[in-house]
Full PDB file with SEQRES, HELIX, SHEET, SSBOND, CRYST1, ORIGX, SCALE, CONECT and MASTER records, all heavy atoms in Angstrom:
SEQRES   1 A   33  GLN ALA PRO TRP ALA ARG VAL LEU ARG GLY VAL GLN LEU          
SEQRES   2 A   33  GLY GLU TYR ASP LEU VAL VAL ASN ALA TRP TYR SER ASP          
SEQRES   3 A   33  GLU ARG ASN VAL PHE GLY HIS                                  
HELIX    1 AA1 TRP A    4  LEU A   13  1                                  10    
HELIX    2 AA2 ASP A   26  PHE A   31  1                                   6    
CRYST1    1.000    1.000    1.000  90.00  90.00  90.00 P 1           1          
ORIGX1      1.000000  0.000000  0.000000        0.00000                         
ORIGX2      0.000000  1.000000  0.000000        0.00000                         
ORIGX3      0.000000  0.000000  1.000000        0.00000                         
SCALE1      1.000000  0.000000  0.000000        0.00000                         
SCALE2      0.000000  1.000000  0.000000        0.00000                         
SCALE3      0.000000  0.000000  1.000000        0.00000                         
ATOM      1  N   GLN A   1     139.181 183.483 106.831  1.00  0.00           N  
ATOM      2  CA  GLN A   1     138.596 182.218 107.255  1.00  0.00           C  
ATOM      3  C   GLN A   1     138.536 182.158 108.772  1.00  0.00           C  
ATOM      4  O   GLN A   1     139.531 182.437 109.449  1.00  0.00           O  
ATOM      5  CB  GLN A   1     139.445 181.062 106.707  1.00  0.00           C  
ATOM      6  CG  GLN A   1     138.797 179.685 106.829  1.00  0.00           C  
ATOM      7  CD  GLN A   1     139.467 178.702 105.895  1.00  0.00           C  
ATOM      8  OE1 GLN A   1     139.202 178.678 104.694  1.00  0.00           O  
ATOM      9  NE2 GLN A   1     140.327 177.867 106.434  1.00  0.00           N  
ATOM     10  N   ALA A   2     137.363 181.800 109.302  1.00  0.00           N  
ATOM     11  CA  ALA A   2     137.175 181.768 110.749  1.00  0.00           C  
ATOM     12  C   ALA A   2     136.052 180.794 111.075  1.00  0.00           C  
ATOM     13  O   ALA A   2     135.265 180.427 110.191  1.00  0.00           O  
ATOM     14  CB  ALA A   2     136.827 183.171 111.270  1.00  0.00           C  
ATOM     15  N   PRO A   3     135.946 180.358 112.338  1.00  0.00           N  
ATOM     16  CA  PRO A   3     134.803 179.521 112.728  1.00  0.00           C  
ATOM     17  C   PRO A   3     133.491 180.254 112.451  1.00  0.00           C  
ATOM     18  O   PRO A   3     133.426 181.484 112.507  1.00  0.00           O  
ATOM     19  CB  PRO A   3     135.026 179.308 114.232  1.00  0.00           C  
ATOM     20  CG  PRO A   3     136.497 179.498 114.426  1.00  0.00           C  
ATOM     21  CD  PRO A   3     136.897 180.555 113.443  1.00  0.00           C  
ATOM     22  N   TRP A   4     132.430 179.473 112.172  1.00  0.00           N  
ATOM     23  CA  TRP A   4     131.164 180.055 111.726  1.00  0.00           C  
ATOM     24  C   TRP A   4     130.607 181.089 112.703  1.00  0.00           C  
ATOM     25  O   TRP A   4     130.162 182.173 112.290  1.00  0.00           O  
ATOM     26  CB  TRP A   4     130.138 178.942 111.489  1.00  0.00           C  
ATOM     27  CG  TRP A   4     128.816 179.423 110.997  1.00  0.00           C  
ATOM     28  CD1 TRP A   4     127.614 179.314 111.618  1.00  0.00           C  
ATOM     29  CD2 TRP A   4     128.551 180.111 109.758  1.00  0.00           C  
ATOM     30  NE1 TRP A   4     126.616 179.883 110.848  1.00  0.00           N  
ATOM     31  CE2 TRP A   4     127.165 180.379 109.712  1.00  0.00           C  
ATOM     32  CE3 TRP A   4     129.357 180.523 108.694  1.00  0.00           C  
ATOM     33  CZ2 TRP A   4     126.569 181.042 108.631  1.00  0.00           C  
ATOM     34  CZ3 TRP A   4     128.757 181.180 107.619  1.00  0.00           C  
ATOM     35  CH2 TRP A   4     127.376 181.428 107.598  1.00  0.00           C  
ATOM     36  N   ALA A   5     130.625 180.772 113.988  1.00  0.00           N  
ATOM     37  CA  ALA A   5     130.104 181.727 114.969  1.00  0.00           C  
ATOM     38  C   ALA A   5     130.892 183.033 114.921  1.00  0.00           C  
ATOM     39  O   ALA A   5     130.328 184.124 115.062  1.00  0.00           O  
ATOM     40  CB  ALA A   5     130.147 181.127 116.372  1.00  0.00           C  
ATOM     41  N   ARG A   6     132.193 182.941 114.708  1.00  0.00           N  
ATOM     42  CA  ARG A   6     133.043 184.130 114.622  1.00  0.00           C  
ATOM     43  C   ARG A   6     132.747 184.926 113.355  1.00  0.00           C  
ATOM     44  O   ARG A   6     132.784 186.161 113.364  1.00  0.00           O  
ATOM     45  CB  ARG A   6     134.519 183.708 114.655  1.00  0.00           C  
ATOM     46  CG  ARG A   6     135.499 184.866 114.566  1.00  0.00           C  
ATOM     47  CD  ARG A   6     135.318 185.831 115.718  1.00  0.00           C  
ATOM     48  NE  ARG A   6     136.170 186.994 115.595  1.00  0.00           N  
ATOM     49  CZ  ARG A   6     136.000 188.116 116.264  1.00  0.00           C  
ATOM     50  NH1 ARG A   6     134.999 188.235 117.120  1.00  0.00           N  
ATOM     51  NH2 ARG A   6     136.827 189.136 116.095  1.00  0.00           N  
ATOM     52  N   VAL A   7     132.446 184.215 112.260  1.00  0.00           N  
ATOM     53  CA  VAL A   7     132.102 184.893 111.005  1.00  0.00           C  
ATOM     54  C   VAL A   7     130.861 185.764 111.202  1.00  0.00           C  
ATOM     55  O   VAL A   7     130.851 186.953 110.852  1.00  0.00           O  
ATOM     56  CB  VAL A   7     131.871 183.859 109.882  1.00  0.00           C  
ATOM     57  CG1 VAL A   7     131.224 184.525 108.666  1.00  0.00           C  
ATOM     58  CG2 VAL A   7     133.187 183.204 109.484  1.00  0.00           C  
ATOM     59  N   LEU A   8     129.809 185.178 111.769  1.00  0.00           N  
ATOM     60  CA  LEU A   8     128.569 185.929 111.959  1.00  0.00           C  
ATOM     61  C   LEU A   8     128.761 187.083 112.942  1.00  0.00           C  
ATOM     62  O   LEU A   8     128.262 188.192 112.724  1.00  0.00           O  
ATOM     63  CB  LEU A   8     127.464 184.995 112.459  1.00  0.00           C  
ATOM     64  CG  LEU A   8     126.972 183.934 111.464  1.00  0.00           C  
ATOM     65  CD1 LEU A   8     125.866 183.106 112.100  1.00  0.00           C  
ATOM     66  CD2 LEU A   8     126.463 184.579 110.168  1.00  0.00           C  
ATOM     67  N   ARG A   9     129.502 186.822 114.007  1.00  0.00           N  
ATOM     68  CA  ARG A   9     129.750 187.875 114.994  1.00  0.00           C  
ATOM     69  C   ARG A   9     130.589 188.996 114.390  1.00  0.00           C  
ATOM     70  O   ARG A   9     130.340 190.187 114.633  1.00  0.00           O  
ATOM     71  CB  ARG A   9     130.479 187.277 116.204  1.00  0.00           C  
ATOM     72  CG  ARG A   9     130.695 188.250 117.356  1.00  0.00           C  
ATOM     73  CD  ARG A   9     129.393 188.705 117.945  1.00  0.00           C  
ATOM     74  NE  ARG A   9     129.588 189.544 119.116  1.00  0.00           N  
ATOM     75  CZ  ARG A   9     128.660 190.360 119.611  1.00  0.00           C  
ATOM     76  NH1 ARG A   9     127.475 190.432 119.023  1.00  0.00           N  
ATOM     77  NH2 ARG A   9     128.900 191.084 120.679  1.00  0.00           N  
ATOM     78  N   GLY A  10     131.570 188.622 113.578  1.00  0.00           N  
ATOM     79  CA  GLY A  10     132.433 189.614 112.956  1.00  0.00           C  
ATOM     80  C   GLY A  10     131.689 190.534 112.004  1.00  0.00           C  
ATOM     81  O   GLY A  10     131.987 191.727 111.914  1.00  0.00           O  
ATOM     82  N   VAL A  11     130.693 190.002 111.291  1.00  0.00           N  
ATOM     83  CA  VAL A  11     129.876 190.833 110.403  1.00  0.00           C  
ATOM     84  C   VAL A  11     129.020 191.788 111.223  1.00  0.00           C  
ATOM     85  O   VAL A  11     128.870 192.961 110.874  1.00  0.00           O  
ATOM     86  CB  VAL A  11     129.001 189.945 109.487  1.00  0.00           C  
ATOM     87  CG1 VAL A  11     127.926 190.769 108.785  1.00  0.00           C  
ATOM     88  CG2 VAL A  11     129.874 189.251 108.452  1.00  0.00           C  
ATOM     89  N   GLN A  12     128.468 191.292 112.317  1.00  0.00           N  
ATOM     90  CA  GLN A  12     127.653 192.163 113.166  1.00  0.00           C  
ATOM     91  C   GLN A  12     128.483 193.294 113.781  1.00  0.00           C  
ATOM     92  O   GLN A  12     127.982 194.410 113.959  1.00  0.00           O  
ATOM     93  CB  GLN A  12     127.004 191.337 114.282  1.00  0.00           C  
ATOM     94  CG  GLN A  12     125.977 190.341 113.781  1.00  0.00           C  
ATOM     95  CD  GLN A  12     125.399 189.504 114.903  1.00  0.00           C  
ATOM     96  OE1 GLN A  12     124.705 189.994 115.786  1.00  0.00           O  
ATOM     97  NE2 GLN A  12     125.694 188.212 114.875  1.00  0.00           N  
ATOM     98  N   LEU A  13     129.742 193.012 114.093  1.00  0.00           N  
ATOM     99  CA  LEU A  13     130.608 194.022 114.714  1.00  0.00           C  
ATOM    100  C   LEU A  13     131.300 194.923 113.694  1.00  0.00           C  
ATOM    101  O   LEU A  13     131.971 195.883 114.065  1.00  0.00           O  
ATOM    102  CB  LEU A  13     131.677 193.329 115.576  1.00  0.00           C  
ATOM    103  CG  LEU A  13     131.174 192.581 116.807  1.00  0.00           C  
ATOM    104  CD1 LEU A  13     132.321 191.827 117.475  1.00  0.00           C  
ATOM    105  CD2 LEU A  13     130.506 193.534 117.794  1.00  0.00           C  
ATOM    106  N   GLY A  14     131.151 194.611 112.403  1.00  0.00           N  
ATOM    107  CA  GLY A  14     131.789 195.410 111.370  1.00  0.00           C  
ATOM    108  C   GLY A  14     133.226 195.017 111.085  1.00  0.00           C  
ATOM    109  O   GLY A  14     133.931 195.720 110.356  1.00  0.00           O  
ATOM    110  N   GLU A  15     133.681 193.891 111.651  1.00  0.00           N  
ATOM    111  CA  GLU A  15     135.046 193.437 111.393  1.00  0.00           C  
ATOM    112  C   GLU A  15     135.170 192.834 109.988  1.00  0.00           C  
ATOM    113  O   GLU A  15     136.235 192.904 109.374  1.00  0.00           O  
ATOM    114  CB  GLU A  15     135.460 192.402 112.440  1.00  0.00           C  
ATOM    115  CG  GLU A  15     135.520 192.967 113.856  1.00  0.00           C  
ATOM    116  CD  GLU A  15     135.766 191.890 114.892  1.00  0.00           C  
ATOM    117  OE1 GLU A  15     135.885 190.706 114.504  1.00  0.00           O  
ATOM    118  OE2 GLU A  15     135.842 192.221 116.087  1.00  0.00           O  
ATOM    119  N   TYR A  16     134.112 192.220 109.509  1.00  0.00           N  
ATOM    120  CA  TYR A  16     134.051 191.682 108.155  1.00  0.00           C  
ATOM    121  C   TYR A  16     132.921 192.399 107.427  1.00  0.00           C  
ATOM    122  O   TYR A  16     131.938 192.831 108.036  1.00  0.00           O  
ATOM    123  CB  TYR A  16     133.783 190.179 108.163  1.00  0.00           C  
ATOM    124  CG  TYR A  16     134.678 189.379 109.083  1.00  0.00           C  
ATOM    125  CD1 TYR A  16     134.144 188.383 109.909  1.00  0.00           C  
ATOM    126  CD2 TYR A  16     136.046 189.628 109.158  1.00  0.00           C  
ATOM    127  CE1 TYR A  16     134.947 187.653 110.765  1.00  0.00           C  
ATOM    128  CE2 TYR A  16     136.859 188.901 110.011  1.00  0.00           C  
ATOM    129  CZ  TYR A  16     136.300 187.913 110.817  1.00  0.00           C  
ATOM    130  OH  TYR A  16     137.107 187.197 111.662  1.00  0.00           O  
ATOM    131  N   ASP A  17     133.045 192.489 106.106  1.00  0.00           N  
ATOM    132  CA  ASP A  17     132.027 193.204 105.324  1.00  0.00           C  
ATOM    133  C   ASP A  17     130.908 192.298 104.838  1.00  0.00           C  
ATOM    134  O   ASP A  17     129.769 192.746 104.703  1.00  0.00           O  
ATOM    135  CB  ASP A  17     132.691 193.906 104.132  1.00  0.00           C  
ATOM    136  CG  ASP A  17     133.642 194.992 104.573  1.00  0.00           C  
ATOM    137  OD1 ASP A  17     133.186 195.912 105.273  1.00  0.00           O  
ATOM    138  OD2 ASP A  17     134.843 194.920 104.246  1.00  0.00           O  
ATOM    139  N   LEU A  18     131.239 191.050 104.587  1.00  0.00           N  
ATOM    140  CA  LEU A  18     130.181 190.149 104.122  1.00  0.00           C  
ATOM    141  C   LEU A  18     130.537 188.694 104.387  1.00  0.00           C  
ATOM    142  O   LEU A  18     131.704 188.333 104.507  1.00  0.00           O  
ATOM    143  CB  LEU A  18     129.876 190.366 102.644  1.00  0.00           C  
ATOM    144  CG  LEU A  18     130.944 190.064 101.585  1.00  0.00           C  
ATOM    145  CD1 LEU A  18     130.915 188.600 101.155  1.00  0.00           C  
ATOM    146  CD2 LEU A  18     130.736 190.954 100.364  1.00  0.00           C  
ATOM    147  N   VAL A  19     129.490 187.886 104.475  1.00  0.00           N  
ATOM    148  CA  VAL A  19     129.627 186.435 104.577  1.00  0.00           C  
ATOM    149  C   VAL A  19     129.572 185.866 103.167  1.00  0.00           C  
ATOM    150  O   VAL A  19     128.697 186.225 102.374  1.00  0.00           O  
ATOM    151  CB  VAL A  19     128.502 185.825 105.434  1.00  0.00           C  
ATOM    152  CG1 VAL A  19     128.686 184.313 105.566  1.00  0.00           C  
ATOM    153  CG2 VAL A  19     128.454 186.476 106.812  1.00  0.00           C  
ATOM    154  N   VAL A  20     130.496 184.979 102.856  1.00  0.00           N  
ATOM    155  CA  VAL A  20     130.563 184.393 101.513  1.00  0.00           C  
ATOM    156  C   VAL A  20     129.370 183.507 101.226  1.00  0.00           C  
ATOM    157  O   VAL A  20     128.801 183.546 100.128  1.00  0.00           O  
ATOM    158  CB  VAL A  20     131.869 183.579 101.354  1.00  0.00           C  
ATOM    159  CG1 VAL A  20     131.839 182.714 100.090  1.00  0.00           C  
ATOM    160  CG2 VAL A  20     133.070 184.509 101.325  1.00  0.00           C  
ATOM    161  N   ASN A  21     128.976 182.687 102.212  1.00  0.00           N  
ATOM    162  CA  ASN A  21     127.974 181.650 101.941  1.00  0.00           C  
ATOM    163  C   ASN A  21     127.021 181.499 103.118  1.00  0.00           C  
ATOM    164  O   ASN A  21     127.345 180.847 104.112  1.00  0.00           O  
ATOM    165  CB  ASN A  21     128.658 180.303 101.648  1.00  0.00           C  
ATOM    166  CG  ASN A  21     129.795 180.000 102.610  1.00  0.00           C  
ATOM    167  OD1 ASN A  21     129.952 180.671 103.636  1.00  0.00           O  
ATOM    168  ND2 ASN A  21     130.579 178.999 102.305  1.00  0.00           N  
ATOM    169  N   ALA A  22     125.852 182.097 103.005  1.00  0.00           N  
ATOM    170  CA  ALA A  22     124.886 182.076 104.096  1.00  0.00           C  
ATOM    171  C   ALA A  22     123.517 181.644 103.596  1.00  0.00           C  
ATOM    172  O   ALA A  22     123.098 182.031 102.504  1.00  0.00           O  
ATOM    173  CB  ALA A  22     124.787 183.462 104.744  1.00  0.00           C  
ATOM    174  N   TRP A  23     122.832 180.839 104.402  1.00  0.00           N  
ATOM    175  CA  TRP A  23     121.427 180.541 104.152  1.00  0.00           C  
ATOM    176  C   TRP A  23     120.585 181.649 104.769  1.00  0.00           C  
ATOM    177  O   TRP A  23     120.971 182.252 105.774  1.00  0.00           O  
ATOM    178  CB  TRP A  23     121.038 179.199 104.771  1.00  0.00           C  
ATOM    179  CG  TRP A  23     121.651 178.006 104.092  1.00  0.00           C  
ATOM    180  CD1 TRP A  23     122.357 177.977 102.932  1.00  0.00           C  
ATOM    181  CD2 TRP A  23     121.606 176.647 104.558  1.00  0.00           C  
ATOM    182  NE1 TRP A  23     122.753 176.697 102.633  1.00  0.00           N  
ATOM    183  CE2 TRP A  23     122.312 175.863 103.607  1.00  0.00           C  
ATOM    184  CE3 TRP A  23     121.047 176.023 105.678  1.00  0.00           C  
ATOM    185  CZ2 TRP A  23     122.464 174.480 103.758  1.00  0.00           C  
ATOM    186  CZ3 TRP A  23     121.193 174.656 105.824  1.00  0.00           C  
ATOM    187  CH2 TRP A  23     121.891 173.893 104.876  1.00  0.00           C  
ATOM    188  N   TYR A  24     119.429 181.906 104.171  1.00  0.00           N  
ATOM    189  CA  TYR A  24     118.565 182.976 104.673  1.00  0.00           C  
ATOM    190  C   TYR A  24     117.959 182.604 106.019  1.00  0.00           C  
ATOM    191  O   TYR A  24     117.544 181.473 106.257  1.00  0.00           O  
ATOM    192  CB  TYR A  24     117.434 183.277 103.690  1.00  0.00           C  
ATOM    193  CG  TYR A  24     116.508 184.359 104.221  1.00  0.00           C  
ATOM    194  CD1 TYR A  24     116.804 185.697 104.016  1.00  0.00           C  
ATOM    195  CD2 TYR A  24     115.393 184.021 104.995  1.00  0.00           C  
ATOM    196  CE1 TYR A  24     115.986 186.687 104.549  1.00  0.00           C  
ATOM    197  CE2 TYR A  24     114.574 184.999 105.527  1.00  0.00           C  
ATOM    198  CZ  TYR A  24     114.875 186.343 105.303  1.00  0.00           C  
ATOM    199  OH  TYR A  24     114.077 187.312 105.849  1.00  0.00           O  
ATOM    200  N   SER A  25     117.894 183.568 106.915  1.00  0.00           N  
ATOM    201  CA  SER A  25     117.083 183.465 108.132  1.00  0.00           C  
ATOM    202  C   SER A  25     116.659 184.869 108.507  1.00  0.00           C  
ATOM    203  O   SER A  25     117.357 185.850 108.217  1.00  0.00           O  
ATOM    204  CB  SER A  25     117.873 182.811 109.284  1.00  0.00           C  
ATOM    205  OG  SER A  25     118.814 183.713 109.828  1.00  0.00           O  
ATOM    206  N   ASP A  26     115.493 184.976 109.156  1.00  0.00           N  
ATOM    207  CA  ASP A  26     115.001 186.286 109.595  1.00  0.00           C  
ATOM    208  C   ASP A  26     115.975 186.934 110.580  1.00  0.00           C  
ATOM    209  O   ASP A  26     116.159 188.153 110.568  1.00  0.00           O  
ATOM    210  CB  ASP A  26     113.623 186.141 110.250  1.00  0.00           C  
ATOM    211  CG  ASP A  26     112.537 185.779 109.246  1.00  0.00           C  
ATOM    212  OD1 ASP A  26     112.742 186.030 108.040  1.00  0.00           O  
ATOM    213  OD2 ASP A  26     111.503 185.234 109.675  1.00  0.00           O  
ATOM    214  N   GLU A  27     116.602 186.127 111.425  1.00  0.00           N  
ATOM    215  CA  GLU A  27     117.544 186.659 112.412  1.00  0.00           C  
ATOM    216  C   GLU A  27     118.735 187.320 111.731  1.00  0.00           C  
ATOM    217  O   GLU A  27     119.154 188.418 112.101  1.00  0.00           O  
ATOM    218  CB  GLU A  27     118.026 185.523 113.317  1.00  0.00           C  
ATOM    219  CG  GLU A  27     119.034 185.953 114.364  1.00  0.00           C  
ATOM    220  CD  GLU A  27     119.554 184.786 115.188  1.00  0.00           C  
ATOM    221  OE1 GLU A  27     119.138 183.645 114.941  1.00  0.00           O  
ATOM    222  OE2 GLU A  27     120.390 185.045 116.073  1.00  0.00           O  
ATOM    223  N   ARG A  28     119.290 186.668 110.715  1.00  0.00           N  
ATOM    224  CA  ARG A  28     120.439 187.231 110.005  1.00  0.00           C  
ATOM    225  C   ARG A  28     120.043 188.445 109.176  1.00  0.00           C  
ATOM    226  O   ARG A  28     120.844 189.354 108.968  1.00  0.00           O  
ATOM    227  CB  ARG A  28     121.077 186.164 109.112  1.00  0.00           C  
ATOM    228  CG  ARG A  28     121.676 185.005 109.886  1.00  0.00           C  
ATOM    229  CD  ARG A  28     122.099 183.868 108.968  1.00  0.00           C  
ATOM    230  NE  ARG A  28     122.486 182.690 109.750  1.00  0.00           N  
ATOM    231  CZ  ARG A  28     122.704 181.495 109.236  1.00  0.00           C  
ATOM    232  NH1 ARG A  28     122.578 181.298 107.933  1.00  0.00           N  
ATOM    233  NH2 ARG A  28     123.053 180.484 110.010  1.00  0.00           N  
ATOM    234  N   ASN A  29     118.811 188.455 108.706  1.00  0.00           N  
ATOM    235  CA  ASN A  29     118.355 189.571 107.877  1.00  0.00           C  
ATOM    236  C   ASN A  29     118.298 190.878 108.660  1.00  0.00           C  
ATOM    237  O   ASN A  29     118.281 191.951 108.064  1.00  0.00           O  
ATOM    238  CB  ASN A  29     116.976 189.251 107.294  1.00  0.00           C  
ATOM    239  CG  ASN A  29     116.579 190.190 106.176  1.00  0.00           C  
ATOM    240  OD1 ASN A  29     117.359 190.467 105.269  1.00  0.00           O  
ATOM    241  ND2 ASN A  29     115.364 190.702 106.251  1.00  0.00           N  
ATOM    242  N   VAL A  30     118.291 190.805 109.969  1.00  0.00           N  
ATOM    243  CA  VAL A  30     118.263 192.009 110.802  1.00  0.00           C  
ATOM    244  C   VAL A  30     119.577 192.776 110.676  1.00  0.00           C  
ATOM    245  O   VAL A  30     119.589 194.004 110.555  1.00  0.00           O  
ATOM    246  CB  VAL A  30     117.997 191.646 112.277  1.00  0.00           C  
ATOM    247  CG1 VAL A  30     118.182 192.871 113.175  1.00  0.00           C  
ATOM    248  CG2 VAL A  30     116.596 191.076 112.443  1.00  0.00           C  
ATOM    249  N   PHE A  31     120.698 192.052 110.683  1.00  0.00           N  
ATOM    250  CA  PHE A  31     122.003 192.734 110.654  1.00  0.00           C  
ATOM    251  C   PHE A  31     122.705 192.641 109.309  1.00  0.00           C  
ATOM    252  O   PHE A  31     123.731 193.280 109.098  1.00  0.00           O  
ATOM    253  CB  PHE A  31     122.923 192.181 111.749  1.00  0.00           C  
ATOM    254  CG  PHE A  31     123.265 190.716 111.618  1.00  0.00           C  
ATOM    255  CD1 PHE A  31     124.286 190.289 110.783  1.00  0.00           C  
ATOM    256  CD2 PHE A  31     122.566 189.764 112.353  1.00  0.00           C  
ATOM    257  CE1 PHE A  31     124.608 188.943 110.668  1.00  0.00           C  
ATOM    258  CE2 PHE A  31     122.878 188.415 112.249  1.00  0.00           C  
ATOM    259  CZ  PHE A  31     123.904 188.000 111.402  1.00  0.00           C  
ATOM    260  N   GLY A  32     122.140 191.866 108.379  1.00  0.00           N  
ATOM    261  CA  GLY A  32     122.773 191.706 107.078  1.00  0.00           C  
ATOM    262  C   GLY A  32     121.791 191.809 105.928  1.00  0.00           C  
ATOM    263  O   GLY A  32     120.599 191.537 106.079  1.00  0.00           O  
ATOM    264  N   HIS A  33     122.304 192.218 104.783  1.00  0.00           N  
ATOM    265  CA  HIS A  33     121.511 192.363 103.563  1.00  0.00           C  
ATOM    266  C   HIS A  33     121.849 191.189 102.650  1.00  0.00           C  
ATOM    267  O   HIS A  33     122.994 191.041 102.215  1.00  0.00           O  
ATOM    268  CB  HIS A  33     121.858 193.696 102.897  1.00  0.00           C  
ATOM    269  CG  HIS A  33     120.997 194.038 101.723  1.00  0.00           C  
ATOM    270  ND1 HIS A  33     120.914 195.311 101.213  1.00  0.00           N  
ATOM    271  CD2 HIS A  33     120.199 193.284 100.936  1.00  0.00           C  
ATOM    272  CE1 HIS A  33     120.105 195.312 100.174  1.00  0.00           C  
ATOM    273  NE2 HIS A  33     119.660 194.088  99.989  1.00  0.00           N  
TER     274      HIS A  33                                                      
MASTER        0    0    0    2    0    0    0    6  273    1    0    3          
END                                                                             
């Protein structure tokens, strides 16, 4: 559990493997599936 900005940053850096609950955006689709 972490603040939202940290969650997204952590996925981009490889610290976390996935976000539990995300809405779709083109920006997020670049670094996440």
